[in-house]
Amino acid sequence: MADETATIEQDTEATPESREWQPVILGILCNWCSYAGADLAGSSRRHYPENVRIVRVPCSGRVDPMFVLKGFQKGFDGVMVLGCHPGDCHYAKGNYYARRRIALVKDLLSRMGIAEDRFHFEWVSASEGNRFAELVTEMTENIRRLGPFQGVTPTDSVGPDL
């Protein structure tokens, strides 16, 4: 685990050759649609930033909110979750579960003080390689504008007083 964190930290720093910081993004992709879309982008030789690290999951409905939080904890500057379009899920309704969870994740990230633009959830089908490349490019530009992830800064409105 410590080696993985060190690798990510090295990736987020400016390299001696470029002297320019490059964001590192965690991409959590559905195996059946979004991962196939990423594969299509690569096999079609679509150019997009190479700073996304992909984790393939069986279904976007399998993405636990803790996966997103762990991404930020491990030093990623942004996290993307990509799944099948509604109605096209290989597991019937996993993407509907994902959509509900993502609403909770966005609220949680907001309460933790993590900028909204550091997280993105989108539908990408297996035939949308160009769309995948565009989303990665857009996310990279957003994160580059925000700068390196500096950690969590909780807001005052964490919840009702008990």
Protein backbone atom coordinates (compact mmCIF):
# COMPACT_ATOMS: atom_id res chain seq x y z
CA MET A 1 0.00 0.00 0.00
CA ALA A 2 2.75 2.48 0.89
CA ASP A 3 4.45 1.82 -2.46
CA GLU A 4 1.23 2.62 -4.34
CA THR A 5 0.83 5.92 -2.47
CA ALA A 6 4.44 6.86 -3.14
CA THR A 7 3.97 6.17 -6.85
CA ILE A 8 0.90 8.38 -7.04
CA GLU A 9 2.66 11.17 -5.14
CA GLN A 10 5.56 10.99 -7.57
CA ASP A 11 3.16 11.14 -10.51
CA THR A 12 1.43 14.27 -9.20
CA GLU A 13 4.66 16.21 -8.83
CA ALA A 14 6.29 18.09 -11.66
CA THR A 15 8.77 15.98 -13.58
CA PRO A 16 12.26 17.39 -14.17
CA GLU A 17 11.75 17.25 -17.94
CA SER A 18 8.44 19.11 -18.05
CA ARG A 19 8.68 21.29 -14.92
CA GLU A 20 4.88 21.39 -15.10
CA TRP A 21 2.53 19.69 -12.66
CA GLN A 22 0.16 17.17 -14.25
CA PRO A 23 -2.97 15.98 -12.43
CA VAL A 24 -3.53 12.28 -11.82
CA ILE A 25 -7.12 11.07 -12.13
CA LEU A 26 -8.63 7.82 -10.91
CA GLY A 27 -11.10 6.40 -13.43
CA ILE A 28 -13.49 3.76 -12.09
CA LEU A 29 -15.04 2.18 -15.18
CA CYS A 30 -17.78 -0.37 -15.77
CA ASN A 31 -16.33 -3.44 -17.48
CA TRP A 32 -19.04 -3.84 -20.10
CA CYS A 33 -19.49 -0.34 -21.47
CA SER A 34 -17.16 2.34 -20.17
CA TYR A 35 -14.02 0.20 -20.13
CA ALA A 36 -14.84 -0.96 -23.65
CA GLY A 37 -15.29 2.71 -24.62
CA ALA A 38 -11.85 3.48 -23.19
CA ASP A 39 -10.43 0.54 -25.11
CA LEU A 40 -12.07 1.81 -28.30
CA ALA A 41 -10.53 5.26 -27.73
CA GLY A 42 -7.11 3.64 -27.42
CA SER A 43 -7.47 1.27 -30.36
CA SER A 44 -8.81 4.15 -32.50
CA ARG A 45 -5.68 6.11 -31.54
CA ARG A 46 -7.79 8.92 -30.10
CA HIS A 47 -5.53 11.36 -28.29
CA TYR A 48 -6.40 12.15 -24.69
CA PRO A 49 -4.33 12.92 -21.58
CA GLU A 50 -2.46 9.93 -20.25
CA ASN A 51 -2.94 10.89 -16.63
CA VAL A 52 -5.99 8.73 -15.93
CA ARG A 53 -5.43 5.51 -13.97
CA ILE A 54 -8.22 3.06 -14.73
CA VAL A 55 -9.78 0.59 -12.34
CA ARG A 56 -12.22 -1.79 -13.99
CA VAL A 57 -15.25 -2.89 -11.97
CA PRO A 58 -17.93 -5.39 -13.06
CA CYS A 59 -20.64 -2.72 -12.89
CA SER A 60 -20.92 0.94 -11.89
CA GLY A 61 -23.53 -0.26 -9.39
CA ARG A 62 -20.66 -2.01 -7.61
CA VAL A 63 -18.85 1.28 -6.92
CA ASP A 64 -18.89 1.87 -3.20
CA PRO A 65 -18.68 5.52 -2.10
CA MET A 66 -15.55 4.54 -0.16
CA PHE A 67 -13.79 3.81 -3.48
CA VAL A 68 -14.11 7.49 -4.34
CA LEU A 69 -12.94 8.62 -0.90
CA LYS A 70 -10.01 6.17 -1.01
CA GLY A 71 -8.97 7.67 -4.35
CA PHE A 72 -8.63 11.08 -2.75
CA GLN A 73 -6.98 9.59 0.33
CA LYS A 74 -4.37 7.88 -1.84
CA GLY A 75 -3.45 11.17 -3.49
CA PHE A 76 -5.44 11.32 -6.72
CA ASP A 77 -6.32 14.84 -7.82
CA GLY A 78 -9.70 13.80 -9.23
CA VAL A 79 -11.98 10.79 -9.54
CA MET A 80 -14.26 9.78 -12.43
CA VAL A 81 -16.90 7.06 -12.31
CA LEU A 82 -18.17 5.96 -15.71
CA GLY A 83 -20.96 3.44 -16.31
CA CYS A 84 -23.43 2.12 -18.87
CA HIS A 85 -26.26 4.30 -20.10
CA PRO A 86 -29.58 3.77 -18.25
CA GLY A 87 -31.34 0.77 -19.71
CA ASP A 88 -28.12 -0.74 -21.11
CA CYS A 89 -26.69 -2.26 -17.93
CA HIS A 90 -25.36 -5.80 -18.32
CA TYR A 91 -26.73 -6.51 -14.84
CA ALA A 92 -30.19 -4.98 -15.59
CA LYS A 93 -30.27 -2.07 -13.12
CA GLY A 94 -26.82 -1.64 -11.59
CA ASN A 95 -26.39 1.78 -13.16
CA TYR A 96 -29.62 2.94 -11.48
CA TYR A 97 -28.11 1.95 -8.12
CA ALA A 98 -24.95 3.81 -9.08
CA ARG A 99 -26.91 6.96 -9.89
CA ARG A 100 -28.48 6.92 -6.41
CA ARG A 101 -25.14 6.35 -4.70
CA ILE A 102 -23.41 9.07 -6.70
CA ALA A 103 -25.91 11.64 -5.43
CA LEU A 104 -24.86 10.70 -1.90
CA VAL A 105 -21.17 10.79 -2.84
CA LYS A 106 -21.49 14.31 -4.24
CA ASP A 107 -23.16 15.48 -1.02
CA LEU A 108 -20.50 13.80 1.09
CA LEU A 109 -17.65 15.34 -0.92
CA SER A 110 -19.28 18.75 -0.61
CA ARG A 111 -19.55 18.39 3.16
CA MET A 112 -15.90 17.33 3.31
CA GLY A 113 -14.86 20.45 1.42
CA ILE A 114 -13.72 18.66 -1.74
CA ALA A 115 -14.40 20.79 -4.82
CA GLU A 116 -17.29 19.56 -6.96
CA ASP A 117 -15.13 19.63 -10.11
CA ARG A 118 -12.76 17.01 -8.66
CA PHE A 119 -15.42 14.31 -9.08
CA HIS A 120 -17.34 13.37 -12.21
CA PHE A 121 -19.97 10.72 -12.96
CA GLU A 122 -21.04 10.01 -16.52
CA TRP A 123 -22.52 7.39 -18.84
CA VAL A 124 -20.21 6.07 -21.58
CA SER A 125 -21.14 3.16 -23.85
CA ALA A 126 -18.79 0.72 -25.57
CA SER A 127 -19.19 2.59 -28.86
CA GLU A 128 -18.33 6.00 -27.40
CA GLY A 129 -14.55 6.02 -27.53
CA ASN A 130 -14.55 9.65 -28.66
CA ARG A 131 -16.79 10.60 -25.75
CA PHE A 132 -14.44 8.86 -23.31
CA ALA A 133 -11.48 10.81 -24.70
CA GLU A 134 -13.43 14.08 -24.47
CA LEU A 135 -14.45 13.40 -20.85
CA VAL A 136 -10.89 12.62 -19.79
CA THR A 137 -9.62 15.75 -21.53
CA GLU A 138 -12.31 17.91 -19.94
CA MET A 139 -11.71 16.43 -16.48
CA THR A 140 -7.96 16.96 -16.80
CA GLU A 141 -8.47 20.61 -17.75
CA ASN A 142 -10.82 21.14 -14.78
CA ILE A 143 -8.37 19.56 -12.35
CA ARG A 144 -5.45 21.50 -13.83
CA ARG A 145 -7.36 24.75 -13.14
CA LEU A 146 -8.01 23.64 -9.54
CA GLY A 147 -4.40 22.61 -8.91
CA PRO A 148 -3.12 19.66 -6.87
CA PHE A 149 -5.47 18.10 -4.33
CA GLN A 150 -4.41 19.43 -0.94
CA GLY A 151 -6.56 17.24 1.25
CA VAL A 152 -9.88 17.54 3.00
CA THR A 153 -11.12 20.82 4.44
CA PRO A 154 -14.43 20.09 6.21
CA THR A 155 -17.16 22.68 6.06
CA ASP A 156 -18.98 23.88 9.16
CA SER A 157 -22.31 22.40 8.11
CA VAL A 158 -21.46 18.72 8.59
CA GLY A 159 -24.94 17.85 9.80
CA PRO A 160 -27.49 18.40 12.50
CA ASP A 161 -26.24 18.73 16.06
CA LEU A 162 -26.94 15.68 18.15
